[in-house]
Protein backbone atom coordinates (compact mmCIF):
# COMPACT_ATOMS: atom_id res chain seq x y z
CA MET A 1 193.82 -84.15 -99.67
CA ALA A 2 195.66 -86.29 -97.47
CA LYS A 3 195.82 -89.87 -98.36
CA ALA A 4 195.51 -92.61 -95.82
CA SER A 5 199.52 -93.95 -96.29
CA ASP A 6 200.46 -90.31 -94.38
CA PHE A 7 198.58 -91.69 -90.95
CA GLU A 8 200.47 -94.71 -91.15
CA GLY A 9 202.96 -95.95 -88.77
CA LYS A 10 202.21 -92.41 -86.34
CA ASN A 11 201.34 -92.28 -82.99
CA PRO A 12 197.54 -91.08 -82.04
CA ASP A 13 198.59 -88.37 -79.94
CA GLU A 14 200.41 -87.15 -82.83
CA LEU A 15 197.20 -87.28 -85.01
CA PHE A 16 194.76 -85.53 -82.43
CA TYR A 17 194.84 -82.71 -80.04
CA VAL A 18 192.36 -81.74 -77.30
CA VAL A 19 190.75 -78.69 -77.55
CA GLU A 20 190.70 -76.27 -74.22
CA TYR A 21 187.30 -76.05 -73.39
CA SER A 22 186.00 -72.37 -72.65
CA PRO A 23 182.55 -71.36 -71.77
CA GLU A 24 182.43 -68.43 -73.79
CA GLU A 25 182.94 -70.50 -76.89
CA ALA A 26 180.56 -73.54 -75.97
CA GLU A 27 177.70 -70.15 -75.66
CA LYS A 28 178.46 -69.63 -79.45
CA THR A 29 176.03 -70.06 -81.83
CA GLY A 30 176.20 -69.21 -85.65
CA TYR A 31 175.27 -65.70 -85.48
CA SER A 32 174.61 -63.08 -88.24
CA ASN A 33 174.80 -59.39 -87.93
CA TYR A 34 171.39 -58.75 -90.68
CA SER A 35 168.85 -56.84 -89.58
CA TYR A 36 165.54 -56.21 -91.13
CA TRP A 37 165.31 -52.37 -90.75
CA GLY A 38 168.77 -52.10 -91.54
CA SER A 39 168.89 -53.89 -94.57
CA VAL A 40 165.73 -51.62 -95.87
CA PHE A 41 167.37 -48.32 -95.67
CA HIS A 42 170.52 -50.09 -97.16
CA ASN A 43 168.68 -51.10 -100.18
CA PHE A 44 166.97 -47.31 -100.02
CA LEU A 45 170.23 -46.13 -100.13
CA LYS A 46 171.07 -47.34 -102.76
CA LYS A 47 168.33 -46.05 -105.46
CA LYS A 48 169.79 -42.30 -105.00
CA SER A 49 167.02 -40.99 -107.15
CA ALA A 50 164.47 -41.76 -104.08
CA VAL A 51 167.55 -40.53 -101.82
CA PHE A 52 167.23 -37.24 -103.23
CA CYS A 53 163.71 -36.93 -103.52
CA ALA A 54 163.16 -37.58 -99.98
CA LEU A 55 166.25 -35.05 -98.89
CA LEU A 56 164.12 -32.43 -101.47
CA PHE A 57 160.81 -32.95 -99.81
CA LEU A 58 162.75 -32.98 -96.35
CA PHE A 59 163.99 -29.64 -97.01
CA LEU A 60 160.60 -28.66 -98.61
CA VAL A 61 158.89 -28.91 -94.87
CA ILE A 62 161.68 -27.35 -93.02
CA PHE A 63 161.25 -24.37 -95.83
CA THR A 64 157.83 -23.87 -94.85
CA PHE A 65 159.02 -22.74 -91.42
CA VAL A 66 161.84 -20.58 -92.30
CA ALA A 67 160.02 -19.37 -95.39
CA LEU A 68 157.28 -17.73 -92.93
CA ALA A 69 160.29 -16.92 -90.29
CA ILE A 70 161.87 -14.53 -92.80
CA GLY A 71 159.05 -13.34 -95.05
CA LYS A 72 158.77 -9.58 -94.44
CA TYR A 73 154.87 -10.32 -93.61
CA ASP A 74 153.70 -11.82 -91.03
CA TYR A 75 150.43 -14.30 -92.16
CA ALA A 76 148.53 -13.68 -89.00
CA THR A 77 148.65 -10.18 -89.69
CA LEU A 78 148.10 -10.19 -93.39
CA VAL A 79 147.03 -6.69 -94.50
CA VAL A 80 144.48 -6.27 -97.64
CA ASP A 81 145.64 -3.54 -99.79
CA GLN A 82 143.66 -3.01 -102.69
CA ASN A 83 146.28 -0.30 -104.30
CA ASN A 84 149.16 -3.51 -104.24
CA LYS A 85 146.99 -5.63 -106.02
CA PHE A 86 148.72 -8.06 -108.92
CA ILE A 87 151.92 -6.64 -108.14
CA SER A 88 154.55 -9.08 -109.72
CA PRO A 89 157.08 -10.48 -107.79
CA ASN A 90 160.10 -8.02 -106.65
CA SER A 91 162.81 -7.47 -103.90
CA GLU A 92 159.19 -6.19 -101.56
CA TYR A 93 157.19 -8.66 -102.32
CA TRP A 94 158.96 -12.47 -103.09
CA PHE A 95 156.20 -14.06 -104.76
CA GLY A 96 153.82 -10.79 -105.43
CA THR A 97 150.68 -10.00 -104.55
CA ASP A 98 147.17 -11.59 -105.39
CA ASN A 99 143.49 -10.18 -106.36
CA ILE A 100 143.27 -8.31 -102.59
CA GLY A 101 146.92 -7.33 -102.38
CA ARG A 102 148.34 -9.56 -100.01
CA ASP A 103 151.67 -10.76 -99.74
CA TYR A 104 151.64 -14.21 -101.55
CA TRP A 105 154.73 -15.40 -100.15
CA CYS A 106 153.55 -15.62 -96.63
CA GLN A 107 150.58 -17.21 -98.04
CA VAL A 108 152.27 -19.52 -100.54
CA TRP A 109 154.07 -21.31 -98.01
CA PHE A 110 151.46 -21.42 -95.02
CA ALA A 111 149.23 -22.92 -97.50
CA ALA A 112 151.78 -25.40 -98.57
CA GLN A 113 152.38 -26.23 -94.64
CA THR A 114 148.73 -26.83 -93.90
CA SER A 115 148.40 -29.11 -97.10
CA ILE A 116 151.32 -30.69 -96.02
CA ARG A 117 150.17 -31.27 -92.27
CA LEU A 118 146.80 -32.29 -93.81
CA ALA A 119 148.13 -34.96 -95.87
CA LEU A 120 150.27 -37.10 -93.30
CA VAL A 121 147.47 -36.85 -90.67
CA VAL A 122 144.87 -38.22 -93.27
CA ALA A 123 147.91 -41.13 -94.04
CA LEU A 124 148.29 -42.27 -90.27
CA GLY A 125 144.46 -42.45 -90.09
CA GLU A 126 143.66 -44.00 -93.06
CA GLY A 127 147.11 -46.64 -92.17
CA ILE A 128 145.52 -47.50 -89.15
CA VAL A 129 141.96 -47.76 -89.83
CA GLY A 130 142.73 -50.25 -93.04
CA ILE A 131 145.15 -52.30 -91.50
CA ILE A 132 143.26 -52.89 -88.45
CA ILE A 133 140.09 -53.85 -90.64
CA GLY A 134 141.76 -55.09 -93.17
CA LEU A 135 143.61 -58.09 -90.81
CA ILE A 136 140.42 -58.74 -89.63
CA TRP A 137 138.80 -58.72 -92.82
CA GLY A 138 141.48 -61.03 -94.77
CA TYR A 139 141.72 -63.17 -91.49
CA VAL A 140 138.16 -63.80 -90.19
CA ARG A 141 136.23 -65.56 -93.29
CA SER A 142 132.77 -64.94 -91.63
CA LEU A 143 133.51 -61.45 -91.30
CA ASP A 144 134.23 -61.23 -95.02
CA ARG A 145 130.89 -60.84 -97.08
CA PHE A 146 130.27 -57.91 -94.24
CA PHE A 147 133.59 -56.08 -95.63
CA THR A 148 133.10 -56.65 -98.78
CA GLU A 149 129.88 -55.35 -99.52
CA LEU A 150 130.69 -52.23 -97.08
CA TYR A 151 133.76 -51.95 -99.76
CA ASN A 152 131.49 -52.04 -102.50
CA LEU A 153 128.94 -49.43 -101.30
CA ILE A 154 131.58 -47.14 -99.71
CA ASN A 155 133.78 -47.17 -103.49
CA ASN A 156 131.34 -47.68 -105.94
CA ILE A 157 130.20 -43.45 -104.75
CA PRO A 158 131.93 -40.76 -106.21
CA ILE A 159 134.01 -39.05 -103.18
CA ILE A 160 132.84 -35.95 -104.95
CA ILE A 161 129.23 -36.24 -103.66
CA TYR A 162 130.57 -37.31 -100.30
CA MET A 163 132.16 -33.98 -100.00
CA THR A 164 129.68 -31.99 -101.33
CA LEU A 165 126.97 -33.95 -98.99
CA ILE A 166 129.75 -33.03 -95.93
CA ALA A 167 130.05 -29.31 -97.02
CA LEU A 168 126.60 -28.73 -97.65
CA MET A 169 125.40 -30.88 -94.24
CA ILE A 170 128.23 -29.86 -91.72
CA GLY A 171 130.74 -27.52 -93.31
CA GLN A 172 134.17 -27.14 -94.33
CA SER A 173 137.58 -27.05 -91.78
CA PHE A 174 140.39 -29.03 -91.81
CA THR A 175 138.91 -31.24 -89.05
CA ILE A 176 136.09 -32.07 -91.08
CA MET A 177 137.95 -32.81 -93.94
CA ALA A 178 140.50 -35.15 -92.34
CA ILE A 179 137.90 -37.27 -90.96
CA SER A 180 136.09 -37.38 -93.73
CA LEU A 181 138.98 -38.44 -95.96
CA ILE A 182 139.63 -40.73 -93.47
CA ALA A 183 136.42 -42.43 -93.56
CA THR A 184 136.71 -42.50 -97.25
CA GLY A 185 140.32 -43.40 -97.92
CA TRP A 186 140.83 -46.58 -95.81
CA LEU A 187 139.44 -48.46 -98.51
CA ASN A 188 142.42 -48.98 -100.46
CA MET A 189 144.84 -49.77 -97.45
CA ALA A 190 142.02 -52.50 -96.39
CA ARG A 191 141.92 -53.78 -99.49
CA GLY A 192 145.62 -54.36 -99.71
CA VAL A 193 145.97 -55.48 -96.58
CA ARG A 194 142.80 -58.25 -96.84
CA ASN A 195 144.72 -59.49 -100.40
CA MET A 196 147.64 -60.13 -98.43
CA VAL A 197 146.39 -61.80 -95.29
CA PHE A 198 144.65 -63.90 -97.76
CA MET A 199 148.35 -65.25 -98.65
CA TYR A 200 149.90 -65.96 -95.56
CA ARG A 201 146.83 -67.03 -93.85
CA ASP A 202 146.61 -70.51 -93.94
CA ARG A 203 150.79 -70.87 -93.45
CA GLU A 204 151.98 -74.15 -91.56
CA TYR A 205 153.21 -71.67 -88.94
CA ASN A 206 150.00 -70.02 -88.70
CA LEU A 207 147.67 -73.19 -88.58
CA ALA A 208 150.60 -74.52 -86.09
CA SER A 209 149.78 -71.11 -83.93
CA ARG A 210 146.14 -71.69 -84.11
CA CYS A 211 146.21 -75.23 -83.13
CA LEU A 212 148.76 -74.19 -79.75
CA GLY A 213 145.81 -72.04 -79.07
CA THR A 214 147.83 -68.97 -79.81
CA PRO A 215 145.22 -65.30 -79.44
CA LEU A 216 144.20 -64.09 -83.05
CA TRP A 217 145.69 -60.80 -82.25
CA ARG A 218 148.83 -62.34 -81.54
CA VAL A 219 148.85 -64.31 -85.30
CA LEU A 220 147.77 -61.33 -87.03
CA THR A 221 150.60 -58.50 -85.12
CA LYS A 222 153.44 -61.31 -85.13
CA ASN A 223 152.52 -64.05 -87.29
CA ILE A 224 151.00 -61.81 -90.57
CA LEU A 225 152.00 -58.38 -90.20
CA PRO A 226 155.93 -58.24 -90.46
CA TYR A 227 154.55 -59.61 -94.43
CA LEU A 228 152.80 -56.42 -94.88
CA VAL A 229 155.51 -54.39 -94.29
CA SER A 230 156.34 -52.95 -97.94
CA VAL A 231 152.81 -53.24 -98.57
CA ILE A 232 151.69 -50.60 -95.93
CA ILE A 233 154.97 -48.68 -96.94
CA LEU A 234 153.47 -48.14 -100.32
CA ARG A 235 150.30 -47.43 -99.70
CA LEU A 236 151.14 -44.59 -96.83
CA ALA A 237 153.87 -43.49 -99.13
CA LEU A 238 151.21 -42.62 -101.97
CA SER A 239 148.18 -41.14 -99.87
CA ILE A 240 150.22 -38.47 -99.18
CA PRO A 241 150.11 -36.80 -102.68
CA SER A 242 147.43 -38.48 -103.15
CA THR A 243 145.49 -36.71 -100.33
CA ILE A 244 147.17 -32.98 -101.74
CA GLY A 245 146.08 -34.08 -104.97
CA LEU A 246 142.42 -34.42 -103.70
CA GLU A 247 142.35 -31.82 -101.72
CA SER A 248 143.46 -29.09 -104.20
CA THR A 249 140.50 -31.08 -106.46
CA LEU A 250 138.27 -30.36 -103.64
CA SER A 251 138.90 -26.97 -103.11
CA TYR A 252 139.30 -25.82 -106.42
CA LEU A 253 135.47 -27.23 -106.72
CA GLY A 254 134.69 -25.24 -103.72
CA LEU A 255 134.54 -28.71 -101.85
CA GLY A 256 137.82 -28.47 -99.54
CA LEU A 257 138.71 -25.86 -96.85
CA ASP A 258 137.77 -22.57 -96.32
CA ASP A 259 139.51 -19.21 -97.14
CA ARG A 260 139.85 -18.92 -93.61
CA THR A 261 142.16 -22.21 -93.52
CA PRO A 262 144.59 -21.38 -96.24
CA SER A 263 145.44 -24.41 -98.42
CA LEU A 264 147.51 -25.20 -102.19
CA GLY A 265 144.25 -25.82 -103.26
CA VAL A 266 142.65 -23.26 -102.08
CA LEU A 267 144.87 -20.74 -103.55
CA LEU A 268 144.53 -22.33 -107.10
CA ARG A 269 141.11 -22.27 -107.02
CA ASN A 270 141.50 -18.48 -106.61
CA ALA A 271 143.89 -18.09 -109.91
CA ARG A 272 141.77 -19.89 -111.57
CA LEU A 273 140.59 -16.82 -112.63
CA PHE A 274 143.21 -14.63 -112.84
CA PHE A 275 146.54 -16.84 -114.29
CA LEU A 276 146.04 -15.83 -117.87
CA ASP A 277 146.99 -12.35 -116.71
CA TYR A 278 148.61 -13.10 -114.24
CA PRO A 279 150.54 -16.86 -114.04
CA TYR A 280 152.57 -16.73 -110.75
CA LEU A 281 149.61 -16.40 -109.22
CA LEU A 282 148.96 -20.49 -110.35
CA ILE A 283 153.11 -21.25 -111.03
CA PHE A 284 154.17 -20.89 -107.06
CA PRO A 285 151.36 -23.38 -105.49
CA ALA A 286 151.08 -25.89 -108.66
CA VAL A 287 155.21 -26.30 -108.51
CA ILE A 288 154.90 -26.97 -104.68
CA VAL A 289 151.70 -29.60 -105.55
CA SER A 290 154.08 -31.35 -108.27
CA ILE A 291 157.41 -31.30 -106.30
CA ILE A 292 155.38 -33.43 -103.18
CA SER A 293 153.73 -35.65 -105.81
CA VAL A 294 156.45 -36.87 -108.04
CA THR A 295 158.99 -37.03 -104.79
CA PHE A 296 156.67 -38.77 -102.29
CA TYR A 297 155.52 -41.75 -105.86
CA ILE A 298 159.21 -41.73 -106.03
CA CYS A 299 160.40 -42.34 -102.80
CA GLY A 300 157.22 -44.56 -102.32
CA ASN A 301 157.96 -47.01 -104.60
CA ALA A 302 162.12 -47.17 -103.88
CA PHE A 303 160.96 -47.57 -100.23
CA SER A 304 158.47 -50.70 -100.81
CA ASP A 305 160.83 -51.86 -102.92
CA ALA A 306 163.70 -52.02 -100.03
CA ALA A 307 161.01 -53.20 -97.40
CA ASP A 308 159.90 -55.98 -99.71
CA PRO A 309 162.00 -59.49 -97.90
CA ARG A 310 162.27 -60.91 -101.33
CA ASN A 311 164.70 -58.47 -102.11
CA HIS A 312 166.71 -58.86 -99.11
CA VAL A 313 169.92 -61.55 -99.18
């Protein structure tokens, strides 16, 4: 540490020097290369199990297209051969044949493709509807009672009743099931968003925005929505395996997709009468359902934690 005696008797010109002015340096301020999404992916990549599950699911999705391309039989021209019933997996029929002699390989992978597509559509629809309603539900106090009663009305009736009425009165198809699941599945997303909006609605910066006349949509999208990213990601990630599981259950009960639109649930339903004697009919679709459910559960939790700003340094 310098002492006062070190400066005694020295010329001021020796103690100080003039720094040259640079416009570029003067424009510079404190800078950090922090990026929110960069930090999210950095934290996510630290979790090896979640990365492995994400790659496994991606591989599964890609393989559903590859499997149909390399298969020996085309699902669109699937031939019913009563003489080839219940053939175990072999070099000709890689996954064996079903109870009416159809190739099970193309059925399983076409059904997996259908179930994944349904899950993604439903997750996206639930996300959009749930986020919009949740933001309005949590922010506009006068509508809280209305949305609370609507939530209780829909949520307290078992979904089996809804799907039974829809299947009997409207029909069974991919579009009908997707719309039906979105119409009843937005509740969890909306409830989670609404609870989070309650926490941030009356923060000082939101009060200041309202006093300055900021439009409601801008307060919701700019001030509040960014804080809900981790909750939204978790709900979306968990919605995909939940949808596939629900579709499998409904199809098993005969309330899901029709036989003309095969899905993993339809295959599981068809296998229930024969799986004790021919277990491969149940094993292949059940393994795919399990892989999708487990991978998305692990990835959803890991990505939600990574997206939480409190976990960023």
